[in-house]
Amino acid sequence: MASSMSLKLAFVVALCLVVGAPLAQGAITCGQVTSSLAPCISYLIRSNGGNVPPPCCNGIKSLNAAAQTTPDRQAACNCIKSASASISGINYGLASALPGKCGVNIPYNISPSTDCKSVR
């Protein structure tokens, strides 16, 4: 009986470690970054720099709020670089100005040449 109880306890502890590990390593995923910034794509491709669509700013603000640690910010930066490289026609001047237009300060420029390892 004690053996069965200790086996169940070990299973529960292992399950908690598996489930909690992604949270401890960082909460930002590329899927989260992509879905947060998807409303910005048409603005960055077809716009001449007018008003930023509210869903785009909402996505930027929620992503910024979620990326509170250095690893999270670096992960978000890498995801943004990767996603933007796969979309042709992005106006990187608009992309760099986007956080400021939405009232958000991020510690890096949105550019294909950004060194995400230097993001703090």
N, C-alpha and C. Protein backbone atom coordinates (compact mmCIF):
# COMPACT_ATOMS: atom_id res chain seq x y z
N MET A 1 0.82 -1.19 0.00
CA MET A 1 0.00 0.00 0.00
C MET A 1 0.87 1.26 0.00
N ALA A 2 1.92 1.28 0.81
CA ALA A 2 2.81 2.44 0.86
C ALA A 2 3.51 2.63 -0.47
N SER A 3 3.85 1.52 -1.11
CA SER A 3 4.50 1.58 -2.42
C SER A 3 3.57 2.21 -3.44
N SER A 4 2.30 1.86 -3.42
CA SER A 4 1.32 2.42 -4.34
C SER A 4 1.14 3.91 -4.09
N MET A 5 1.11 4.30 -2.82
CA MET A 5 0.93 5.71 -2.47
C MET A 5 2.14 6.53 -2.90
N SER A 6 3.34 6.03 -2.71
CA SER A 6 4.53 6.78 -3.09
C SER A 6 4.64 6.85 -4.62
N LEU A 7 4.17 5.83 -5.33
CA LEU A 7 4.16 5.86 -6.79
C LEU A 7 3.20 6.94 -7.29
N LYS A 8 2.02 7.04 -6.66
CA LYS A 8 1.05 8.07 -7.05
C LYS A 8 1.61 9.47 -6.77
N LEU A 9 2.26 9.62 -5.62
CA LEU A 9 2.85 10.91 -5.27
C LEU A 9 3.94 11.29 -6.26
N ALA A 10 4.77 10.34 -6.64
CA ALA A 10 5.83 10.60 -7.61
C ALA A 10 5.24 11.01 -8.95
N PHE A 11 4.14 10.37 -9.35
CA PHE A 11 3.48 10.71 -10.59
C PHE A 11 2.95 12.14 -10.55
N VAL A 12 2.31 12.52 -9.46
CA VAL A 12 1.76 13.87 -9.32
C VAL A 12 2.88 14.91 -9.35
N VAL A 13 3.98 14.64 -8.66
CA VAL A 13 5.11 15.57 -8.66
C VAL A 13 5.68 15.70 -10.07
N ALA A 14 5.84 14.57 -10.77
CA ALA A 14 6.37 14.60 -12.13
C ALA A 14 5.43 15.38 -13.06
N LEU A 15 4.13 15.17 -12.91
CA LEU A 15 3.16 15.88 -13.72
C LEU A 15 3.24 17.39 -13.47
N CYS A 16 3.38 17.79 -12.23
CA CYS A 16 3.50 19.21 -11.91
C CYS A 16 4.76 19.81 -12.53
N LEU A 17 5.84 19.05 -12.52
CA LEU A 17 7.08 19.55 -13.11
C LEU A 17 6.94 19.71 -14.63
N VAL A 18 6.30 18.78 -15.28
CA VAL A 18 6.10 18.85 -16.73
C VAL A 18 5.19 20.01 -17.10
N VAL A 19 4.11 20.15 -16.38
CA VAL A 19 3.17 21.23 -16.66
C VAL A 19 3.76 22.59 -16.31
N GLY A 20 4.49 22.69 -15.24
CA GLY A 20 5.04 23.95 -14.79
C GLY A 20 6.30 24.37 -15.50
N ALA A 21 7.01 23.45 -16.15
CA ALA A 21 8.28 23.77 -16.78
C ALA A 21 8.17 24.87 -17.82
N PRO A 22 7.18 24.85 -18.74
CA PRO A 22 7.11 25.94 -19.71
C PRO A 22 6.88 27.30 -19.05
N LEU A 23 6.16 27.34 -17.97
CA LEU A 23 5.93 28.61 -17.29
C LEU A 23 7.20 29.13 -16.66
N ALA A 24 8.01 28.24 -16.12
CA ALA A 24 9.25 28.66 -15.49
C ALA A 24 10.25 29.14 -16.54
N GLN A 25 10.24 28.56 -17.74
CA GLN A 25 11.20 28.91 -18.77
C GLN A 25 10.79 30.17 -19.53
N GLY A 26 9.57 30.51 -19.52
CA GLY A 26 9.11 31.69 -20.23
C GLY A 26 7.72 31.44 -20.76
N ALA A 27 6.94 32.49 -20.76
CA ALA A 27 5.54 32.32 -21.11
C ALA A 27 5.24 32.65 -22.56
N ILE A 28 6.19 33.18 -23.30
CA ILE A 28 5.93 33.64 -24.66
C ILE A 28 6.19 32.52 -25.66
N THR A 29 5.23 32.29 -26.54
CA THR A 29 5.41 31.34 -27.63
C THR A 29 5.27 32.09 -28.95
N CYS A 30 5.80 31.52 -30.02
CA CYS A 30 5.66 32.17 -31.33
C CYS A 30 4.20 32.21 -31.77
N GLY A 31 3.44 31.22 -31.37
CA GLY A 31 2.01 31.25 -31.68
C GLY A 31 1.33 32.44 -31.04
N GLN A 32 1.70 32.72 -29.80
CA GLN A 32 1.14 33.87 -29.08
C GLN A 32 1.56 35.18 -29.75
N VAL A 33 2.83 35.26 -30.13
CA VAL A 33 3.33 36.47 -30.80
C VAL A 33 2.60 36.68 -32.12
N THR A 34 2.50 35.61 -32.90
CA THR A 34 1.86 35.70 -34.21
C THR A 34 0.40 36.12 -34.09
N SER A 35 -0.33 35.50 -33.18
CA SER A 35 -1.75 35.85 -33.05
C SER A 35 -1.93 37.26 -32.51
N SER A 36 -1.02 37.71 -31.64
CA SER A 36 -1.12 39.07 -31.11
C SER A 36 -0.87 40.12 -32.19
N LEU A 37 0.06 39.82 -33.09
CA LEU A 37 0.45 40.81 -34.09
C LEU A 37 -0.24 40.65 -35.44
N ALA A 38 -1.01 39.60 -35.62
CA ALA A 38 -1.71 39.37 -36.90
C ALA A 38 -2.56 40.58 -37.33
N PRO A 39 -3.25 41.27 -36.41
CA PRO A 39 -4.04 42.43 -36.84
C PRO A 39 -3.21 43.59 -37.37
N CYS A 40 -1.89 43.52 -37.23
CA CYS A 40 -1.02 44.61 -37.68
C CYS A 40 -0.52 44.41 -39.11
N ILE A 41 -0.62 43.21 -39.63
CA ILE A 41 0.02 42.90 -40.91
C ILE A 41 -0.51 43.76 -42.05
N SER A 42 -1.81 43.88 -42.19
CA SER A 42 -2.32 44.69 -43.30
C SER A 42 -1.89 46.15 -43.16
N TYR A 43 -1.83 46.65 -41.94
CA TYR A 43 -1.35 48.02 -41.71
C TYR A 43 0.10 48.16 -42.18
N LEU A 44 0.93 47.18 -41.87
CA LEU A 44 2.35 47.26 -42.20
C LEU A 44 2.63 47.04 -43.68
N ILE A 45 1.69 46.45 -44.40
CA ILE A 45 1.90 46.20 -45.83
C ILE A 45 1.19 47.24 -46.69
N ARG A 46 -0.02 47.60 -46.33
CA ARG A 46 -0.85 48.44 -47.21
C ARG A 46 -1.02 49.88 -46.75
N SER A 47 -0.51 50.21 -45.59
CA SER A 47 -0.76 51.53 -45.03
C SER A 47 0.30 52.54 -45.46
N ASN A 48 -0.09 53.80 -45.42
CA ASN A 48 0.88 54.88 -45.64
C ASN A 48 1.23 55.56 -44.31
N GLY A 49 0.89 54.90 -43.21
CA GLY A 49 1.26 55.42 -41.90
C GLY A 49 0.16 56.16 -41.18
N GLY A 50 -1.07 55.95 -41.55
CA GLY A 50 -2.19 56.61 -40.88
C GLY A 50 -2.43 56.03 -39.50
N ASN A 51 -3.67 56.06 -39.09
CA ASN A 51 -4.03 55.55 -37.76
C ASN A 51 -3.84 54.03 -37.70
N VAL A 52 -3.27 53.60 -36.58
CA VAL A 52 -3.06 52.17 -36.36
C VAL A 52 -4.40 51.56 -35.93
N PRO A 53 -4.78 50.43 -36.51
CA PRO A 53 -6.04 49.78 -36.12
C PRO A 53 -6.02 49.39 -34.64
N PRO A 54 -7.09 49.67 -33.92
CA PRO A 54 -7.14 49.33 -32.49
C PRO A 54 -6.80 47.86 -32.18
N PRO A 55 -7.24 46.87 -32.97
CA PRO A 55 -6.86 45.49 -32.65
C PRO A 55 -5.35 45.27 -32.71
N CYS A 56 -4.68 46.01 -33.58
CA CYS A 56 -3.22 45.91 -33.67
C CYS A 56 -2.58 46.43 -32.39
N CYS A 57 -3.00 47.61 -31.94
CA CYS A 57 -2.46 48.17 -30.69
C CYS A 57 -2.78 47.28 -29.50
N ASN A 58 -3.98 46.73 -29.48
CA ASN A 58 -4.34 45.82 -28.39
C ASN A 58 -3.41 44.62 -28.35
N GLY A 59 -3.07 44.08 -29.53
CA GLY A 59 -2.16 42.95 -29.60
C GLY A 59 -0.77 43.31 -29.13
N ILE A 60 -0.30 44.48 -29.53
CA ILE A 60 1.03 44.94 -29.11
C ILE A 60 1.07 45.13 -27.60
N LYS A 61 0.04 45.73 -27.06
CA LYS A 61 -0.02 45.97 -25.62
C LYS A 61 -0.08 44.66 -24.83
N SER A 62 -0.87 43.71 -25.30
CA SER A 62 -0.96 42.44 -24.57
C SER A 62 0.34 41.65 -24.67
N LEU A 63 1.00 41.70 -25.83
CA LEU A 63 2.28 41.02 -25.98
C LEU A 63 3.34 41.67 -25.10
N ASN A 64 3.36 42.98 -25.06
CA ASN A 64 4.31 43.69 -24.20
C ASN A 64 4.09 43.35 -22.73
N ALA A 65 2.83 43.26 -22.33
CA ALA A 65 2.53 42.92 -20.93
C ALA A 65 2.94 41.50 -20.60
N ALA A 66 2.87 40.60 -21.59
CA ALA A 66 3.22 39.20 -21.35
C ALA A 66 4.73 38.99 -21.32
N ALA A 67 5.49 39.83 -22.01
CA ALA A 67 6.95 39.67 -22.10
C ALA A 67 7.64 40.49 -21.02
N GLN A 68 7.64 39.99 -19.81
CA GLN A 68 8.18 40.74 -18.68
C GLN A 68 9.63 40.39 -18.33
N THR A 69 10.11 39.25 -18.81
CA THR A 69 11.48 38.84 -18.49
C THR A 69 12.36 38.95 -19.73
N THR A 70 13.67 38.97 -19.51
CA THR A 70 14.60 39.02 -20.64
C THR A 70 14.41 37.84 -21.58
N PRO A 71 14.30 36.60 -21.08
CA PRO A 71 14.07 35.48 -22.02
C PRO A 71 12.77 35.63 -22.81
N ASP A 72 11.72 36.15 -22.18
CA ASP A 72 10.46 36.36 -22.89
C ASP A 72 10.61 37.42 -23.98
N ARG A 73 11.30 38.52 -23.67
CA ARG A 73 11.50 39.58 -24.66
C ARG A 73 12.37 39.09 -25.81
N GLN A 74 13.39 38.28 -25.50
CA GLN A 74 14.24 37.74 -26.55
C GLN A 74 13.46 36.75 -27.42
N ALA A 75 12.63 35.94 -26.79
CA ALA A 75 11.79 35.00 -27.55
C ALA A 75 10.82 35.75 -28.46
N ALA A 76 10.19 36.80 -27.93
CA ALA A 76 9.27 37.59 -28.73
C ALA A 76 10.00 38.24 -29.90
N CYS A 77 11.17 38.77 -29.64
CA CYS A 77 11.99 39.39 -30.69
C CYS A 77 12.31 38.38 -31.79
N ASN A 78 12.75 37.19 -31.40
CA ASN A 78 13.08 36.15 -32.39
C ASN A 78 11.85 35.74 -33.20
N CYS A 79 10.72 35.63 -32.54
CA CYS A 79 9.48 35.27 -33.24
C CYS A 79 9.07 36.35 -34.22
N ILE A 80 9.19 37.61 -33.82
CA ILE A 80 8.85 38.73 -34.69
C ILE A 80 9.77 38.74 -35.91
N LYS A 81 11.08 38.56 -35.68
CA LYS A 81 12.02 38.53 -36.79
C LYS A 81 11.70 37.40 -37.76
N SER A 82 11.44 36.23 -37.22
CA SER A 82 11.15 35.07 -38.05
C SER A 82 9.87 35.27 -38.85
N ALA A 83 8.83 35.74 -38.19
CA ALA A 83 7.55 35.94 -38.87
C ALA A 83 7.65 37.04 -39.91
N SER A 84 8.33 38.13 -39.59
CA SER A 84 8.42 39.24 -40.54
C SER A 84 9.24 38.87 -41.76
N ALA A 85 10.21 37.99 -41.61
CA ALA A 85 11.02 37.55 -42.74
C ALA A 85 10.21 36.73 -43.73
N SER A 86 9.14 36.11 -43.25
CA SER A 86 8.33 35.27 -44.13
C SER A 86 7.18 36.02 -44.80
N ILE A 87 7.04 37.31 -44.49
CA ILE A 87 5.96 38.13 -45.06
C ILE A 87 6.60 39.20 -45.94
N SER A 88 6.29 39.17 -47.22
CA SER A 88 6.89 40.16 -48.12
C SER A 88 6.08 41.45 -48.10
N GLY A 89 6.79 42.55 -48.30
CA GLY A 89 6.14 43.84 -48.42
C GLY A 89 5.98 44.61 -47.12
N ILE A 90 6.57 44.15 -46.03
CA ILE A 90 6.44 44.87 -44.76
C ILE A 90 7.24 46.17 -44.83
N ASN A 91 6.61 47.24 -44.41
CA ASN A 91 7.27 48.54 -44.31
C ASN A 91 7.90 48.60 -42.92
N TYR A 92 9.22 48.41 -42.86
CA TYR A 92 9.90 48.34 -41.56
C TYR A 92 9.98 49.70 -40.86
N GLY A 93 9.84 50.77 -41.61
CA GLY A 93 9.75 52.09 -40.98
C GLY A 93 8.47 52.19 -40.16
N LEU A 94 7.36 51.73 -40.74
CA LEU A 94 6.09 51.69 -40.00
C LEU A 94 6.19 50.71 -38.83
N ALA A 95 6.84 49.57 -39.06
CA ALA A 95 6.95 48.56 -38.02
C ALA A 95 7.71 49.09 -36.81
N SER A 96 8.79 49.83 -37.05
CA SER A 96 9.57 50.39 -35.94
C SER A 96 8.78 51.44 -35.17
N ALA A 97 7.92 52.18 -35.87
CA ALA A 97 7.14 53.23 -35.22
C ALA A 97 5.88 52.70 -34.54
N LEU A 98 5.50 51.48 -34.87
CA LEU A 98 4.24 50.92 -34.38
C LEU A 98 4.11 50.90 -32.86
N PRO A 99 5.10 50.40 -32.11
CA PRO A 99 4.94 50.41 -30.64
C PRO A 99 4.70 51.80 -30.07
N GLY A 100 5.46 52.78 -30.55
CA GLY A 100 5.29 54.15 -30.07
C GLY A 100 3.91 54.71 -30.39
N LYS A 101 3.39 54.41 -31.58
CA LYS A 101 2.06 54.87 -31.96
C LYS A 101 0.98 54.23 -31.10
N CYS A 102 1.30 53.08 -30.53
CA CYS A 102 0.34 52.39 -29.66
C CYS A 102 0.60 52.68 -28.18
N GLY A 103 1.55 53.57 -27.90
CA GLY A 103 1.84 53.94 -26.52
C GLY A 103 2.62 52.89 -25.74
N VAL A 104 3.42 52.11 -26.47
CA VAL A 104 4.19 51.03 -25.83
C VAL A 104 5.67 51.26 -26.12
N ASN A 105 6.50 51.04 -25.12
CA ASN A 105 7.94 51.16 -25.27
C ASN A 105 8.54 49.76 -25.23
N ILE A 106 9.17 49.34 -26.33
CA ILE A 106 9.84 48.04 -26.33
C ILE A 106 11.34 48.27 -26.46
N PRO A 107 12.15 47.36 -25.91
CA PRO A 107 13.60 47.60 -25.85
C PRO A 107 14.37 47.21 -27.11
N TYR A 108 13.71 47.17 -28.28
CA TYR A 108 14.40 46.85 -29.52
C TYR A 108 13.60 47.38 -30.70
N ASN A 109 14.26 47.52 -31.83
CA ASN A 109 13.59 47.93 -33.06
C ASN A 109 13.03 46.71 -33.76
N ILE A 110 11.91 46.86 -34.39
CA ILE A 110 11.34 45.78 -35.18
C ILE A 110 12.00 45.87 -36.55
N SER A 111 12.96 44.99 -36.76
CA SER A 111 13.75 45.01 -37.98
C SER A 111 14.37 43.63 -38.20
N PRO A 112 14.58 43.25 -39.46
CA PRO A 112 15.21 41.96 -39.71
C PRO A 112 16.67 41.91 -39.22
N SER A 113 17.27 43.07 -38.98
CA SER A 113 18.65 43.09 -38.54
C SER A 113 18.81 43.20 -37.02
N THR A 114 17.73 43.21 -36.28
CA THR A 114 17.81 43.31 -34.82
C THR A 114 18.52 42.09 -34.24
N ASP A 115 19.46 42.34 -33.33
CA ASP A 115 20.15 41.26 -32.63
C ASP A 115 19.35 40.95 -31.36
N CYS A 116 18.55 39.91 -31.41
CA CYS A 116 17.65 39.58 -30.29
C CYS A 116 18.41 39.14 -29.04
N LYS A 117 19.66 38.69 -29.21
CA LYS A 117 20.45 38.29 -28.03
C LYS A 117 20.80 39.49 -27.17
N SER A 118 20.81 40.68 -27.77
CA SER A 118 21.15 41.88 -27.01
C SER A 118 19.94 42.50 -26.31
N VAL A 119 18.75 41.97 -26.57
CA VAL A 119 17.53 42.50 -25.95
C VAL A 119 17.53 42.16 -24.47
N ARG A 120 17.26 43.12 -23.64
CA ARG A 120 17.24 42.91 -22.18
C ARG A 120 15.88 43.16 -21.65
